[in-house]
């Protein structure tokens, strides 16, 4: 019986032998995602699903070409080790960003209203360049959300705010995502209100679509 890590390594080699965006590569990448999903680091933090979604997109962009990061090198460890390292970094980023947003949202507004000479602090994560070529998984998710064929996403919104619905938030949170701080300022709603609604109402529908389509 072929060891699990060796099986994954062979699938990666086979996937990377096909052209980017081709059905053959997409099928193999989806197979790898299914095999690895249950073995990744898990925790119950509210931003875990966001971090996991970013991890899968990072995987699709960098396992073969290294479009947005360091290309996967099997000599440095298994696919699981590589993905877990990235996932934990994203979880740490979410944790730090959440604490920073909660600590600085009010002070920043006060500074801006009292002195126009003080510029807003810039989050380097917000300035990361977009991938030159979106992976097929991201394209499928974006097309699904934009189309919203049955109107379900538009019909689920924060009470009294039909403009802040699941369609809008899902599209804004797909990489390169708009930060919760920016969304809070755009819609005039608190970060916890937006994030909680997204976690409870939008992410489950996003995941359901991805699973039905075999993307996760």
Foldseek 3Di string as FASTA:
>chain_A
DDDPLVVLVVLLVQLLVDDAPDPSNLVSLLVSCVSQVVVEDDDDDLCLLLLVVVLSQCCSCACRPQQQHHHDDPVVHGPRVVSNVSSVVVVVVVVVVVVCCVVCLVVVVVCCVVDVVDDDDDDVLLVRDFGPDGHPLLVVLLVCLVPVPVCPFLVAADPPCSVHTLSVQSNQSRPVHDDLSVVCVVVVHDSCVSSVSCSPPRVVVSVVVCVVVSND
